[in-house]
């Protein structure tokens, strides 16, 4: 069984900066906690704004 976490640019571990080094540090921090990157996708809500957001989907095994 797995559990999932969604990381976006608003993640507090990114400390307000969505830069390659900050993202790498964030993903490495989650990896140290047992998470792995499962996928990444673009998401947008065109009804509210034209802003596109990148979502990083992390997963890790949990005891059954």
N, C-alpha and C. Protein backbone atom coordinates (compact mmCIF):
# COMPACT_ATOMS: atom_id res chain seq x y z
N UNK A 1 0.85 -1.16 0.00
CA UNK A 1 0.00 0.00 0.00
C UNK A 1 0.90 1.24 0.00
N UNK A 2 0.42 2.31 -0.60
CA UNK A 2 1.18 3.55 -0.70
C UNK A 2 0.38 4.73 -0.15
N UNK A 3 1.10 5.75 0.24
CA UNK A 3 0.47 7.03 0.56
C UNK A 3 1.09 8.05 -0.38
N UNK A 4 0.36 9.13 -0.63
CA UNK A 4 0.78 10.12 -1.62
C UNK A 4 0.81 11.52 -1.02
N UNK A 5 1.67 12.34 -1.59
CA UNK A 5 1.80 13.74 -1.20
C UNK A 5 1.94 14.55 -2.48
N UNK A 6 1.29 15.71 -2.51
CA UNK A 6 1.38 16.62 -3.64
C UNK A 6 2.24 17.81 -3.22
N UNK A 7 3.25 18.11 -4.00
CA UNK A 7 4.13 19.25 -3.75
C UNK A 7 3.91 20.27 -4.87
N UNK A 8 3.68 21.51 -4.48
CA UNK A 8 3.53 22.60 -5.44
C UNK A 8 4.50 23.71 -5.06
N UNK A 9 4.51 24.78 -5.83
CA UNK A 9 5.40 25.90 -5.53
C UNK A 9 5.05 26.58 -4.21
N UNK A 10 3.86 26.30 -3.68
CA UNK A 10 3.45 26.87 -2.39
C UNK A 10 3.93 26.05 -1.20
N UNK A 11 4.60 24.93 -1.46
CA UNK A 11 5.09 24.08 -0.38
C UNK A 11 6.04 24.88 0.52
N UNK A 12 5.83 24.79 1.82
CA UNK A 12 6.63 25.60 2.75
C UNK A 12 8.10 25.23 2.71
N UNK A 13 8.44 24.03 2.27
CA UNK A 13 9.86 23.65 2.17
C UNK A 13 10.56 24.40 1.04
N UNK A 14 9.81 24.95 0.10
CA UNK A 14 10.43 25.72 -0.98
C UNK A 14 10.71 27.16 -0.55
N UNK A 15 10.20 27.57 0.59
CA UNK A 15 10.47 28.88 1.18
C UNK A 15 10.23 30.02 0.20
N UNK A 16 9.15 29.96 -0.56
CA UNK A 16 8.78 31.04 -1.45
C UNK A 16 9.55 31.12 -2.75
N UNK A 17 10.47 30.20 -2.99
CA UNK A 17 11.24 30.23 -4.23
C UNK A 17 11.10 28.94 -4.99
N UNK A 18 10.64 29.04 -6.21
CA UNK A 18 10.44 27.84 -7.03
C UNK A 18 11.56 27.80 -8.07
N UNK A 19 12.77 27.60 -7.56
CA UNK A 19 13.96 27.57 -8.40
C UNK A 19 14.51 26.15 -8.41
N UNK A 20 15.32 25.83 -9.40
CA UNK A 20 15.84 24.47 -9.54
C UNK A 20 16.53 24.00 -8.26
N UNK A 21 17.39 24.82 -7.69
CA UNK A 21 18.12 24.41 -6.48
C UNK A 21 17.16 24.20 -5.31
N UNK A 22 16.17 25.08 -5.16
CA UNK A 22 15.20 24.95 -4.07
C UNK A 22 14.35 23.70 -4.28
N UNK A 23 13.95 23.44 -5.51
CA UNK A 23 13.15 22.24 -5.80
C UNK A 23 13.97 20.98 -5.54
N UNK A 24 15.22 20.98 -5.96
CA UNK A 24 16.09 19.83 -5.73
C UNK A 24 16.25 19.57 -4.23
N UNK A 25 16.51 20.62 -3.46
CA UNK A 25 16.63 20.47 -2.01
C UNK A 25 15.34 19.94 -1.39
N UNK A 26 14.21 20.45 -1.87
CA UNK A 26 12.91 20.02 -1.35
C UNK A 26 12.67 18.54 -1.65
N UNK A 27 12.89 18.14 -2.91
CA UNK A 27 12.68 16.73 -3.27
C UNK A 27 13.65 15.82 -2.52
N UNK A 28 14.90 16.26 -2.36
CA UNK A 28 15.86 15.46 -1.59
C UNK A 28 15.45 15.36 -0.12
N UNK A 29 14.87 16.43 0.41
CA UNK A 29 14.38 16.39 1.78
C UNK A 29 13.25 15.39 1.95
N UNK A 30 12.31 15.39 1.00
CA UNK A 30 11.24 14.40 1.05
C UNK A 30 11.78 12.99 0.84
N UNK A 31 12.77 12.84 -0.03
CA UNK A 31 13.36 11.52 -0.27
C UNK A 31 13.99 10.98 1.02
N UNK A 32 14.60 11.85 1.80
CA UNK A 32 15.18 11.43 3.08
C UNK A 32 14.12 10.93 4.04
N UNK A 33 12.87 11.38 3.84
CA UNK A 33 11.74 10.93 4.66
C UNK A 33 11.04 9.72 4.05
N UNK A 34 11.62 9.16 2.98
CA UNK A 34 11.07 7.95 2.38
C UNK A 34 10.18 8.17 1.16
N UNK A 35 10.00 9.42 0.73
CA UNK A 35 9.16 9.72 -0.43
C UNK A 35 9.96 9.58 -1.71
N UNK A 36 9.30 9.20 -2.80
CA UNK A 36 9.92 9.19 -4.12
C UNK A 36 8.99 9.89 -5.10
N UNK A 37 9.58 10.50 -6.12
CA UNK A 37 8.78 11.19 -7.13
C UNK A 37 8.10 10.16 -8.00
N UNK A 38 6.77 10.16 -8.00
CA UNK A 38 6.00 9.21 -8.80
C UNK A 38 5.64 9.81 -10.15
N UNK A 39 5.36 11.13 -10.17
CA UNK A 39 4.93 11.77 -11.42
C UNK A 39 4.93 13.28 -11.22
N UNK A 40 4.86 14.00 -12.31
CA UNK A 40 4.66 15.45 -12.25
C UNK A 40 3.70 15.82 -13.37
N UNK A 41 2.84 16.78 -13.09
CA UNK A 41 1.82 17.19 -14.05
C UNK A 41 1.62 18.70 -13.98
N UNK A 42 1.07 19.25 -15.05
CA UNK A 42 0.65 20.65 -15.07
C UNK A 42 -0.83 20.70 -14.78
N UNK A 43 -1.25 21.65 -13.97
CA UNK A 43 -2.66 21.80 -13.65
C UNK A 43 -3.04 23.27 -13.76
N UNK A 44 -4.24 23.51 -14.26
CA UNK A 44 -4.73 24.89 -14.38
C UNK A 44 -6.22 24.90 -14.15
N UNK A 45 -6.70 25.99 -13.58
CA UNK A 45 -8.13 26.21 -13.43
C UNK A 45 -8.45 27.44 -14.27
N UNK A 46 -8.90 27.23 -15.49
CA UNK A 46 -9.13 28.36 -16.39
C UNK A 46 -10.36 29.17 -15.99
N UNK A 47 -11.18 28.64 -15.10
CA UNK A 47 -12.35 29.39 -14.63
C UNK A 47 -11.94 30.48 -13.63
N UNK A 48 -10.87 30.26 -12.89
CA UNK A 48 -10.45 31.22 -11.87
C UNK A 48 -9.27 32.07 -12.32
N UNK A 49 -8.35 31.49 -13.06
CA UNK A 49 -7.21 32.24 -13.57
C UNK A 49 -6.54 31.43 -14.67
N UNK A 50 -5.67 32.07 -15.37
CA UNK A 50 -4.94 31.38 -16.43
C UNK A 50 -3.62 30.81 -15.92
N UNK A 51 -3.40 30.87 -14.62
CA UNK A 51 -2.15 30.40 -14.05
C UNK A 51 -2.06 28.88 -14.13
N UNK A 52 -0.92 28.41 -14.57
CA UNK A 52 -0.64 26.98 -14.62
C UNK A 52 0.28 26.65 -13.45
N UNK A 53 0.01 25.55 -12.81
CA UNK A 53 0.78 25.14 -11.65
C UNK A 53 1.38 23.76 -11.91
N UNK A 54 2.60 23.56 -11.49
CA UNK A 54 3.24 22.26 -11.60
C UNK A 54 2.99 21.50 -10.30
N UNK A 55 2.54 20.27 -10.42
CA UNK A 55 2.31 19.41 -9.26
C UNK A 55 3.30 18.25 -9.32
N UNK A 56 3.99 18.03 -8.23
CA UNK A 56 4.87 16.89 -8.11
C UNK A 56 4.19 15.89 -7.20
N UNK A 57 3.98 14.69 -7.69
CA UNK A 57 3.28 13.66 -6.93
C UNK A 57 4.33 12.71 -6.35
N UNK A 58 4.37 12.68 -5.02
CA UNK A 58 5.31 11.83 -4.31
C UNK A 58 4.58 10.63 -3.73
N UNK A 59 5.26 9.52 -3.60
CA UNK A 59 4.66 8.34 -2.97
C UNK A 59 5.69 7.65 -2.10
N UNK A 60 5.16 6.93 -1.11
CA UNK A 60 6.02 6.06 -0.30
C UNK A 60 5.18 4.91 0.22
N UNK A 61 5.85 3.82 0.48
CA UNK A 61 5.18 2.63 1.00
C UNK A 61 4.79 2.84 2.45
N UNK A 62 3.65 2.28 2.80
CA UNK A 62 3.23 2.26 4.19
C UNK A 62 2.93 0.81 4.57
N UNK A 63 3.08 0.51 5.82
CA UNK A 63 2.81 -0.86 6.29
C UNK A 63 1.35 -1.20 6.11
N UNK A 64 1.08 -2.39 5.60
CA UNK A 64 -0.30 -2.82 5.38
C UNK A 64 -0.97 -3.27 6.64
